[in-house]
Amino acid sequence: MNSKQLTIRVGNNTLSFMITDKANPEEPVMFEPYVVKSGISMAANLREAFKTFAREIDFPAVRVLINAPVLMVPIEQFQEADAATLYLHAYPRSEKEVVKFNVLPSLNAVCVYSINKDLLMVLTDKYDDVQLMHGMIPVWTYLHQRSFTGHRSKLYGYFHDKQLDICSFQQNRFKFCNSFDTTRAHDSLYFLLYVWKQLNLKPEHDEIHILGDIPEQDWILDEMRKYLKNAYVMPFDLTDLLKKK
């Protein structure tokens, strides 16, 4: 059994490779970002990356994290035959997209998303076993587990890829899950406080946690604390989380 696992993360104009090796405690993780070339597709960038890293990523199987718009469907209402129709209705896309889904049993939901056809072809040409996963799944899973600590309701804001994903949980379900395109701290603050109000959370009791690549972190935290008693920055490293999987 191979002790090494390769993970490729495809973000919005970002591409990175991570190899975890459980048999090598001295160097259990090798992380390698790839500088994406503008003007060519992500599929073409991935082909070039394969040439650059060559032997280092020569594995029979790969886990691929895809950052894409997501449609969340309650597990009891999900029908695989309807997944593409529902997704394309919510997110009208070109013919170059393939609709995929991941079941999230711990959250009683199915995450429906898409991947570019050319990108998928590059992956399947290279690897015998391609395990696709939406890029937010490790984050949702981690935050869901954290939501059970203490007795307060919690709202989470995760900054990545020039967007802000906001989520909250109620027992084994999403209470809220949405993504906002933003690079501005003022807009991010507005989205966070608006969702807080929409969920009717209590400013003196409940908690808000922000994590990831936070723009103007100190300013956002100071502003939130003007309105909310329990506002925190959560230390978080996605690479550190993935190496435990």
C-alpha atoms as a PDB file:
ATOM      1  CA  MET A   1       0.000   0.000   0.000  1.00  0.00           C
ATOM      2  CA  ASN A   2       1.373   3.403  -1.031  1.00  0.00           C
ATOM      3  CA  SER A   3       1.907   5.662   1.988  1.00  0.00           C
ATOM      4  CA  LYS A   4       1.945   8.751  -0.224  1.00  0.00           C
ATOM      5  CA  GLN A   5      -1.082  10.726  -1.359  1.00  0.00           C
ATOM      6  CA  LEU A   6      -1.184  13.476  -3.960  1.00  0.00           C
ATOM      7  CA  THR A   7      -3.664  16.340  -3.705  1.00  0.00           C
ATOM      8  CA  ILE A   8      -4.096  18.971  -6.419  1.00  0.00           C
ATOM      9  CA  ARG A   9      -6.039  22.118  -5.562  1.00  0.00           C
ATOM     10  CA  VAL A  10      -7.529  24.119  -8.428  1.00  0.00           C
ATOM     11  CA  GLY A  11      -8.648  27.560  -7.291  1.00  0.00           C
ATOM     12  CA  ASN A  12      -9.630  30.766  -9.042  1.00  0.00           C
ATOM     13  CA  ASN A  13      -6.435  31.357 -11.019  1.00  0.00           C
ATOM     14  CA  THR A  14      -4.392  29.313  -8.544  1.00  0.00           C
ATOM     15  CA  LEU A  15      -2.932  25.832  -8.752  1.00  0.00           C
ATOM     16  CA  SER A  16      -1.042  23.899  -6.099  1.00  0.00           C
ATOM     17  CA  PHE A  17       0.233  20.380  -5.382  1.00  0.00           C
ATOM     18  CA  MET A  18       0.594  18.652  -2.051  1.00  0.00           C
ATOM     19  CA  ILE A  19       2.113  15.241  -1.336  1.00  0.00           C
ATOM     20  CA  THR A  20       1.556  13.700   2.093  1.00  0.00           C
ATOM     21  CA  ASP A  21       3.757  10.805   3.183  1.00  0.00           C
ATOM     22  CA  LYS A  22       2.694   9.087   6.401  1.00  0.00           C
ATOM     23  CA  ALA A  23       5.795   6.876   6.274  1.00  0.00           C
ATOM     24  CA  ASN A  24       8.131   9.877   6.439  1.00  0.00           C
ATOM     25  CA  PRO A  25       7.681  11.652   9.808  1.00  0.00           C
ATOM     26  CA  GLU A  26      10.633  13.968   9.126  1.00  0.00           C
ATOM     27  CA  GLU A  27       9.035  15.415   6.000  1.00  0.00           C
ATOM     28  CA  PRO A  28       5.355  14.346   5.994  1.00  0.00           C
ATOM     29  CA  VAL A  29       4.207  17.109   3.612  1.00  0.00           C
ATOM     30  CA  MET A  30       5.590  18.551   0.403  1.00  0.00           C
ATOM     31  CA  PHE A  31       3.650  21.612  -0.764  1.00  0.00           C
ATOM     32  CA  GLU A  32       4.346  23.118  -4.180  1.00  0.00           C
ATOM     33  CA  PRO A  33       2.376  26.073  -5.588  1.00  0.00           C
ATOM     34  CA  TYR A  34       2.435  26.544  -9.352  1.00  0.00           C
ATOM     35  CA  VAL A  35       2.559  30.043 -10.848  1.00  0.00           C
ATOM     36  CA  VAL A  36      -0.440  30.166 -13.173  1.00  0.00           C
ATOM     37  CA  LYS A  37       0.198  31.769 -16.556  1.00  0.00           C
ATOM     38  CA  SER A  38      -2.423  34.304 -17.608  1.00  0.00           C
ATOM     39  CA  GLY A  39      -3.829  34.120 -21.109  1.00  0.00           C
ATOM     40  CA  ILE A  40      -4.091  30.321 -21.203  1.00  0.00           C
ATOM     41  CA  SER A  41      -6.692  28.003 -19.720  1.00  0.00           C
ATOM     42  CA  MET A  42      -6.356  26.222 -16.395  1.00  0.00           C
ATOM     43  CA  ALA A  43      -6.221  22.936 -18.331  1.00  0.00           C
ATOM     44  CA  ALA A  44      -3.212  24.214 -20.277  1.00  0.00           C
ATOM     45  CA  ASN A  45      -1.605  25.430 -17.048  1.00  0.00           C
ATOM     46  CA  LEU A  46      -2.089  21.978 -15.520  1.00  0.00           C
ATOM     47  CA  ARG A  47      -0.393  20.338 -18.523  1.00  0.00           C
ATOM     48  CA  GLU A  48       2.566  22.679 -18.079  1.00  0.00           C
ATOM     49  CA  ALA A  49       2.665  21.962 -14.347  1.00  0.00           C
ATOM     50  CA  PHE A  50       2.841  18.224 -15.040  1.00  0.00           C
ATOM     51  CA  LYS A  51       5.923  18.851 -17.192  1.00  0.00           C
ATOM     52  CA  THR A  52       7.506  20.966 -14.456  1.00  0.00           C
ATOM     53  CA  PHE A  53       6.963  18.545 -11.581  1.00  0.00           C
ATOM     54  CA  ALA A  54       7.221  15.357 -13.679  1.00  0.00           C
ATOM     55  CA  ARG A  55       8.419  12.483 -11.447  1.00  0.00           C
ATOM     56  CA  GLU A  56       7.375  14.145  -8.184  1.00  0.00           C
ATOM     57  CA  ILE A  57       3.660  13.713  -9.008  1.00  0.00           C
ATOM     58  CA  ASP A  58       3.764  10.362 -10.791  1.00  0.00           C
ATOM     59  CA  PHE A  59       0.983   8.598  -8.863  1.00  0.00           C
ATOM     60  CA  PRO A  60      -1.770   6.190  -9.958  1.00  0.00           C
ATOM     61  CA  ALA A  61      -4.387   8.133  -8.011  1.00  0.00           C
ATOM     62  CA  VAL A  62      -4.994  11.787  -7.164  1.00  0.00           C
ATOM     63  CA  ARG A  63      -7.376  13.771  -4.987  1.00  0.00           C
ATOM     64  CA  VAL A  64      -8.462  17.004  -6.688  1.00  0.00           C
ATOM     65  CA  LEU A  65     -10.020  19.923  -4.809  1.00  0.00           C
ATOM     66  CA  ILE A  66     -12.108  22.131  -7.103  1.00  0.00           C
ATOM     67  CA  ASN A  67     -13.145  25.672  -6.250  1.00  0.00           C
ATOM     68  CA  ALA A  68     -16.426  26.240  -8.091  1.00  0.00           C
ATOM     69  CA  PRO A  69     -19.906  27.642  -7.473  1.00  0.00           C
ATOM     70  CA  VAL A  70     -21.876  25.153  -5.399  1.00  0.00           C
ATOM     71  CA  LEU A  71     -25.510  24.117  -5.149  1.00  0.00           C
ATOM     72  CA  MET A  72     -26.382  22.532  -1.819  1.00  0.00           C
ATOM     73  CA  VAL A  73     -29.263  20.022  -1.915  1.00  0.00           C
ATOM     74  CA  PRO A  74     -30.827  18.342   1.163  1.00  0.00           C
ATOM     75  CA  ILE A  75     -29.842  14.683   1.010  1.00  0.00           C
ATOM     76  CA  GLU A  76     -33.444  13.475   1.280  1.00  0.00           C
ATOM     77  CA  GLN A  77     -34.412  15.532  -1.804  1.00  0.00           C
ATOM     78  CA  PHE A  78     -31.406  14.675  -3.969  1.00  0.00           C
ATOM     79  CA  GLN A  79     -31.880  12.707  -7.181  1.00  0.00           C
ATOM     80  CA  GLU A  80     -28.707  12.015  -9.152  1.00  0.00           C
ATOM     81  CA  ALA A  81     -30.590  12.160 -12.467  1.00  0.00           C
ATOM     82  CA  ASP A  82     -31.696  15.736 -11.699  1.00  0.00           C
ATOM     83  CA  ALA A  83     -28.323  17.052 -10.481  1.00  0.00           C
ATOM     84  CA  ALA A  84     -27.107  18.543 -13.778  1.00  0.00           C
ATOM     85  CA  THR A  85     -30.489  20.124 -14.577  1.00  0.00           C
ATOM     86  CA  LEU A  86     -30.744  21.750 -11.140  1.00  0.00           C
ATOM     87  CA  TYR A  87     -27.172  22.998 -11.206  1.00  0.00           C
ATOM     88  CA  LEU A  88     -27.342  24.448 -14.724  1.00  0.00           C
ATOM     89  CA  HIS A  89     -30.591  26.164 -13.820  1.00  0.00           C
ATOM     90  CA  ALA A  90     -28.939  27.786 -10.792  1.00  0.00           C
ATOM     91  CA  TYR A  91     -25.661  28.496 -12.616  1.00  0.00           C
ATOM     92  CA  PRO A  92     -26.095  28.744 -16.402  1.00  0.00           C
ATOM     93  CA  ARG A  93     -22.761  27.513 -17.766  1.00  0.00           C
ATOM     94  CA  SER A  94     -21.184  26.808 -21.139  1.00  0.00           C
ATOM     95  CA  GLU A  95     -21.066  23.341 -22.649  1.00  0.00           C
ATOM     96  CA  LYS A  96     -17.488  22.987 -21.390  1.00  0.00           C
ATOM     97  CA  GLU A  97     -18.581  22.135 -17.846  1.00  0.00           C
ATOM     98  CA  VAL A  98     -19.228  18.715 -16.316  1.00  0.00           C
ATOM     99  CA  VAL A  99     -21.528  18.620 -13.276  1.00  0.00           C
ATOM    100  CA  LYS A 100     -20.287  16.537 -10.328  1.00  0.00           C
ATOM    101  CA  PHE A 101     -21.446  16.029  -6.748  1.00  0.00           C
ATOM    102  CA  ASN A 102     -20.200  14.905  -3.337  1.00  0.00           C
ATOM    103  CA  VAL A 103     -22.454  13.473  -0.631  1.00  0.00           C
ATOM    104  CA  LEU A 104     -21.947  14.978   2.843  1.00  0.00           C
ATOM    105  CA  PRO A 105     -23.591  12.442   5.177  1.00  0.00           C
ATOM    106  CA  SER A 106     -22.598  14.228   8.386  1.00  0.00           C
ATOM    107  CA  LEU A 107     -24.436  17.342   7.155  1.00  0.00           C
ATOM    108  CA  ASN A 108     -27.361  15.575   5.461  1.00  0.00           C
ATOM    109  CA  ALA A 109     -26.566  17.419   2.229  1.00  0.00           C
ATOM    110  CA  VAL A 110     -25.228  16.884  -1.272  1.00  0.00           C
ATOM    111  CA  CYS A 111     -22.764  19.391  -2.699  1.00  0.00           C
ATOM    112  CA  VAL A 112     -23.276  19.845  -6.478  1.00  0.00           C
ATOM    113  CA  TYR A 113     -20.600  21.692  -8.485  1.00  0.00           C
ATOM    114  CA  SER A 114     -18.882  21.652 -11.886  1.00  0.00           C
ATOM    115  CA  ILE A 115     -15.472  21.178 -13.451  1.00  0.00           C
ATOM    116  CA  ASN A 116     -14.218  22.277 -16.851  1.00  0.00           C
ATOM    117  CA  LYS A 117     -14.304  19.401 -19.382  1.00  0.00           C
ATOM    118  CA  ASP A 118     -10.787  20.106 -20.670  1.00  0.00           C
ATOM    119  CA  LEU A 119      -9.409  20.222 -17.144  1.00  0.00           C
ATOM    120  CA  LEU A 120     -11.082  16.923 -16.286  1.00  0.00           C
ATOM    121  CA  MET A 121      -9.663  15.354 -19.460  1.00  0.00           C
ATOM    122  CA  VAL A 122      -6.121  16.421 -18.532  1.00  0.00           C
ATOM    123  CA  LEU A 123      -6.569  14.806 -15.114  1.00  0.00           C
ATOM    124  CA  THR A 124      -8.055  11.528 -16.381  1.00  0.00           C
ATOM    125  CA  ASP A 125      -5.375  11.266 -19.072  1.00  0.00           C
ATOM    126  CA  LYS A 126      -2.693  11.547 -16.378  1.00  0.00           C
ATOM    127  CA  TYR A 127      -4.186   9.465 -13.544  1.00  0.00           C
ATOM    128  CA  ASP A 128      -6.025   6.148 -13.428  1.00  0.00           C
ATOM    129  CA  ASP A 129      -8.020   7.184 -10.354  1.00  0.00           C
ATOM    130  CA  VAL A 130      -9.223  10.808 -10.025  1.00  0.00           C
ATOM    131  CA  GLN A 131     -11.125  11.582  -6.814  1.00  0.00           C
ATOM    132  CA  LEU A 132     -12.923  14.893  -7.257  1.00  0.00           C
ATOM    133  CA  MET A 133     -13.971  16.920  -4.236  1.00  0.00           C
ATOM    134  CA  HIS A 134     -15.302  20.429  -3.864  1.00  0.00           C
ATOM    135  CA  GLY A 135     -12.582  22.574  -2.291  1.00  0.00           C
ATOM    136  CA  MET A 136     -14.788  23.688   0.602  1.00  0.00           C
ATOM    137  CA  ILE A 137     -15.580  20.193   1.900  1.00  0.00           C
ATOM    138  CA  PRO A 138     -12.537  19.892   4.212  1.00  0.00           C
ATOM    139  CA  VAL A 139     -13.316  23.375   5.556  1.00  0.00           C
ATOM    140  CA  TRP A 140     -17.029  22.703   6.098  1.00  0.00           C
ATOM    141  CA  THR A 141     -16.212  19.420   7.825  1.00  0.00           C
ATOM    142  CA  TYR A 142     -13.715  21.072  10.157  1.00  0.00           C
ATOM    143  CA  LEU A 143     -16.002  23.995  11.013  1.00  0.00           C
ATOM    144  CA  HIS A 144     -18.979  21.704  11.543  1.00  0.00           C
ATOM    145  CA  GLN A 145     -16.970  19.768  14.120  1.00  0.00           C
ATOM    146  CA  ARG A 146     -15.917  23.035  15.777  1.00  0.00           C
ATOM    147  CA  SER A 147     -19.536  24.217  15.933  1.00  0.00           C
ATOM    148  CA  PHE A 148     -20.298  21.640  18.646  1.00  0.00           C
ATOM    149  CA  THR A 149     -17.868  23.211  21.136  1.00  0.00           C
ATOM    150  CA  GLY A 150     -19.556  25.345  23.773  1.00  0.00           C
ATOM    151  CA  HIS A 151     -23.220  26.275  23.916  1.00  0.00           C
ATOM    152  CA  ARG A 152     -23.300  29.335  21.637  1.00  0.00           C
ATOM    153  CA  SER A 153     -24.434  29.456  18.011  1.00  0.00           C
ATOM    154  CA  LYS A 154     -21.549  30.226  15.636  1.00  0.00           C
ATOM    155  CA  LEU A 155     -21.134  31.961  12.288  1.00  0.00           C
ATOM    156  CA  TYR A 156     -17.996  31.325  10.204  1.00  0.00           C
ATOM    157  CA  GLY A 157     -16.434  33.383   7.431  1.00  0.00           C
ATOM    158  CA  TYR A 158     -13.678  31.766   5.357  1.00  0.00           C
ATOM    159  CA  PHE A 159     -11.649  34.012   3.016  1.00  0.00           C
ATOM    160  CA  HIS A 160      -9.984  32.419  -0.028  1.00  0.00           C
ATOM    161  CA  ASP A 161      -9.580  32.853  -3.801  1.00  0.00           C
ATOM    162  CA  LYS A 162     -10.912  36.440  -3.702  1.00  0.00           C
ATOM    163  CA  GLN A 163     -14.181  35.276  -2.159  1.00  0.00           C
ATOM    164  CA  LEU A 164     -15.823  34.894   1.218  1.00  0.00           C
ATOM    165  CA  ASP A 165     -17.658  31.692   2.149  1.00  0.00           C
ATOM    166  CA  ILE A 166     -20.047  32.122   5.072  1.00  0.00           C
ATOM    167  CA  CYS A 167     -21.621  29.180   6.862  1.00  0.00           C
ATOM    168  CA  SER A 168     -23.409  28.223  10.044  1.00  0.00           C
ATOM    169  CA  PHE A 169     -24.650  24.884  11.338  1.00  0.00           C
ATOM    170  CA  GLN A 170     -27.546  23.614  13.364  1.00  0.00           C
ATOM    171  CA  GLN A 171     -26.859  20.109  14.661  1.00  0.00           C
ATOM    172  CA  ASN A 172     -26.183  17.946  11.569  1.00  0.00           C
ATOM    173  CA  ARG A 173     -27.334  20.411   8.915  1.00  0.00           C
ATOM    174  CA  PHE A 174     -26.325  23.683   7.344  1.00  0.00           C
ATOM    175  CA  LYS A 175     -28.221  26.591   8.815  1.00  0.00           C
ATOM    176  CA  PHE A 176     -26.635  28.891   6.225  1.00  0.00           C
ATOM    177  CA  CYS A 177     -24.174  28.367   3.371  1.00  0.00           C
ATOM    178  CA  ASN A 178     -23.316  30.929   0.704  1.00  0.00           C
ATOM    179  CA  SER A 179     -20.359  32.434  -1.129  1.00  0.00           C
ATOM    180  CA  PHE A 180     -19.647  36.077  -1.967  1.00  0.00           C
ATOM    181  CA  ASP A 181     -17.107  37.413  -4.457  1.00  0.00           C
ATOM    182  CA  THR A 182     -15.133  40.109  -2.693  1.00  0.00           C
ATOM    183  CA  THR A 183     -11.630  41.461  -2.187  1.00  0.00           C
ATOM    184  CA  ARG A 184     -12.655  44.519  -0.164  1.00  0.00           C
ATOM    185  CA  ALA A 185     -12.716  44.508   3.630  1.00  0.00           C
ATOM    186  CA  HIS A 186     -15.719  46.865   3.772  1.00  0.00           C
ATOM    187  CA  ASP A 187     -17.814  44.592   1.550  1.00  0.00           C
ATOM    188  CA  SER A 188     -16.766  41.537   3.556  1.00  0.00           C
ATOM    189  CA  LEU A 189     -17.818  43.206   6.807  1.00  0.00           C
ATOM    190  CA  TYR A 190     -21.205  44.062   5.292  1.00  0.00           C
ATOM    191  CA  PHE A 191     -21.798  40.446   4.168  1.00  0.00           C
ATOM    192  CA  LEU A 192     -20.825  39.031   7.567  1.00  0.00           C
ATOM    193  CA  LEU A 193     -23.024  41.395   9.567  1.00  0.00           C
ATOM    194  CA  TYR A 194     -25.931  41.026   7.127  1.00  0.00           C
ATOM    195  CA  VAL A 195     -25.898  37.232   7.444  1.00  0.00           C
ATOM    196  CA  TRP A 196     -25.605  37.557  11.230  1.00  0.00           C
ATOM    197  CA  LYS A 197     -28.757  39.687  11.250  1.00  0.00           C
ATOM    198  CA  GLN A 198     -30.526  37.397   8.776  1.00  0.00           C
ATOM    199  CA  LEU A 199     -29.936  34.398  11.072  1.00  0.00           C
ATOM    200  CA  ASN A 200     -31.171  36.389  14.069  1.00  0.00           C
ATOM    201  CA  LEU A 201     -28.024  35.628  16.068  1.00  0.00           C
ATOM    202  CA  LYS A 202     -27.589  37.347  19.429  1.00  0.00           C
ATOM    203  CA  PRO A 203     -24.881  40.089  19.571  1.00  0.00           C
ATOM    204  CA  GLU A 204     -24.274  39.596  23.314  1.00  0.00           C
ATOM    205  CA  HIS A 205     -24.195  35.807  23.274  1.00  0.00           C
ATOM    206  CA  ASP A 206     -23.360  34.094  19.960  1.00  0.00           C
ATOM    207  CA  GLU A 207     -19.967  33.917  18.191  1.00  0.00           C
ATOM    208  CA  ILE A 208     -18.495  34.874  14.837  1.00  0.00           C
ATOM    209  CA  HIS A 209     -15.184  33.436  13.620  1.00  0.00           C
ATOM    210  CA  ILE A 210     -13.238  34.552  10.537  1.00  0.00           C
ATOM    211  CA  LEU A 211     -10.372  32.572   9.024  1.00  0.00           C
ATOM    212  CA  GLY A 212      -8.234  32.196   5.917  1.00  0.00           C
ATOM    213  CA  ASP A 213      -6.659  34.978   3.840  1.00  0.00           C
ATOM    214  CA  ILE A 214      -8.450  37.859   5.580  1.00  0.00           C
ATOM    215  CA  PRO A 215      -8.137  41.334   3.986  1.00  0.00           C
ATOM    216  CA  GLU A 216      -7.382  44.071   6.553  1.00  0.00           C
ATOM    217  CA  GLN A 217      -7.827  41.531   9.330  1.00  0.00           C
ATOM    218  CA  ASP A 218      -7.370  43.894  12.280  1.00  0.00           C
ATOM    219  CA  TRP A 219      -9.800  46.445  10.838  1.00  0.00           C
ATOM    220  CA  ILE A 220     -12.531  43.853  10.184  1.00  0.00           C
ATOM    221  CA  LEU A 221     -12.121  42.397  13.670  1.00  0.00           C
ATOM    222  CA  ASP A 222     -12.250  45.831  15.329  1.00  0.00           C
ATOM    223  CA  GLU A 223     -15.371  46.786  13.357  1.00  0.00           C
ATOM    224  CA  MET A 224     -17.162  43.534  14.169  1.00  0.00           C
ATOM    225  CA  ARG A 225     -16.432  44.012  17.857  1.00  0.00           C
ATOM    226  CA  LYS A 226     -18.290  47.318  17.777  1.00  0.00           C
ATOM    227  CA  TYR A 227     -21.495  45.346  17.228  1.00  0.00           C
ATOM    228  CA  LEU A 228     -20.768  41.784  18.393  1.00  0.00           C
ATOM    229  CA  LYS A 229     -19.337  40.755  21.741  1.00  0.00           C
ATOM    230  CA  ASN A 230     -17.735  37.476  20.640  1.00  0.00           C
ATOM    231  CA  ALA A 231     -15.795  38.064  17.401  1.00  0.00           C
ATOM    232  CA  TYR A 232     -12.602  36.105  16.756  1.00  0.00           C
ATOM    233  CA  VAL A 233      -9.930  35.291  14.177  1.00  0.00           C
ATOM    234  CA  MET A 234      -9.470  31.527  13.949  1.00  0.00           C
ATOM    235  CA  PRO A 235      -5.962  30.219  13.141  1.00  0.00           C
ATOM    236  CA  PHE A 236      -6.380  27.998  10.100  1.00  0.00           C
ATOM    237  CA  ASP A 237      -4.118  26.259   7.604  1.00  0.00           C
ATOM    238  CA  LEU A 238      -5.841  24.219   4.867  1.00  0.00           C
ATOM    239  CA  THR A 239      -2.578  22.423   4.026  1.00  0.00           C
ATOM    240  CA  ASP A 240      -2.199  21.406   7.669  1.00  0.00           C
ATOM    241  CA  LEU A 241      -5.776  20.138   7.694  1.00  0.00           C
ATOM    242  CA  LEU A 242      -5.417  18.115   4.477  1.00  0.00           C
ATOM    243  CA  LYS A 243      -2.300  16.313   5.602  1.00  0.00           C
ATOM    244  CA  LYS A 244      -4.338  14.695   8.386  1.00  0.00           C
ATOM    245  CA  LYS A 245      -6.832  13.208   5.929  1.00  0.00           C
END
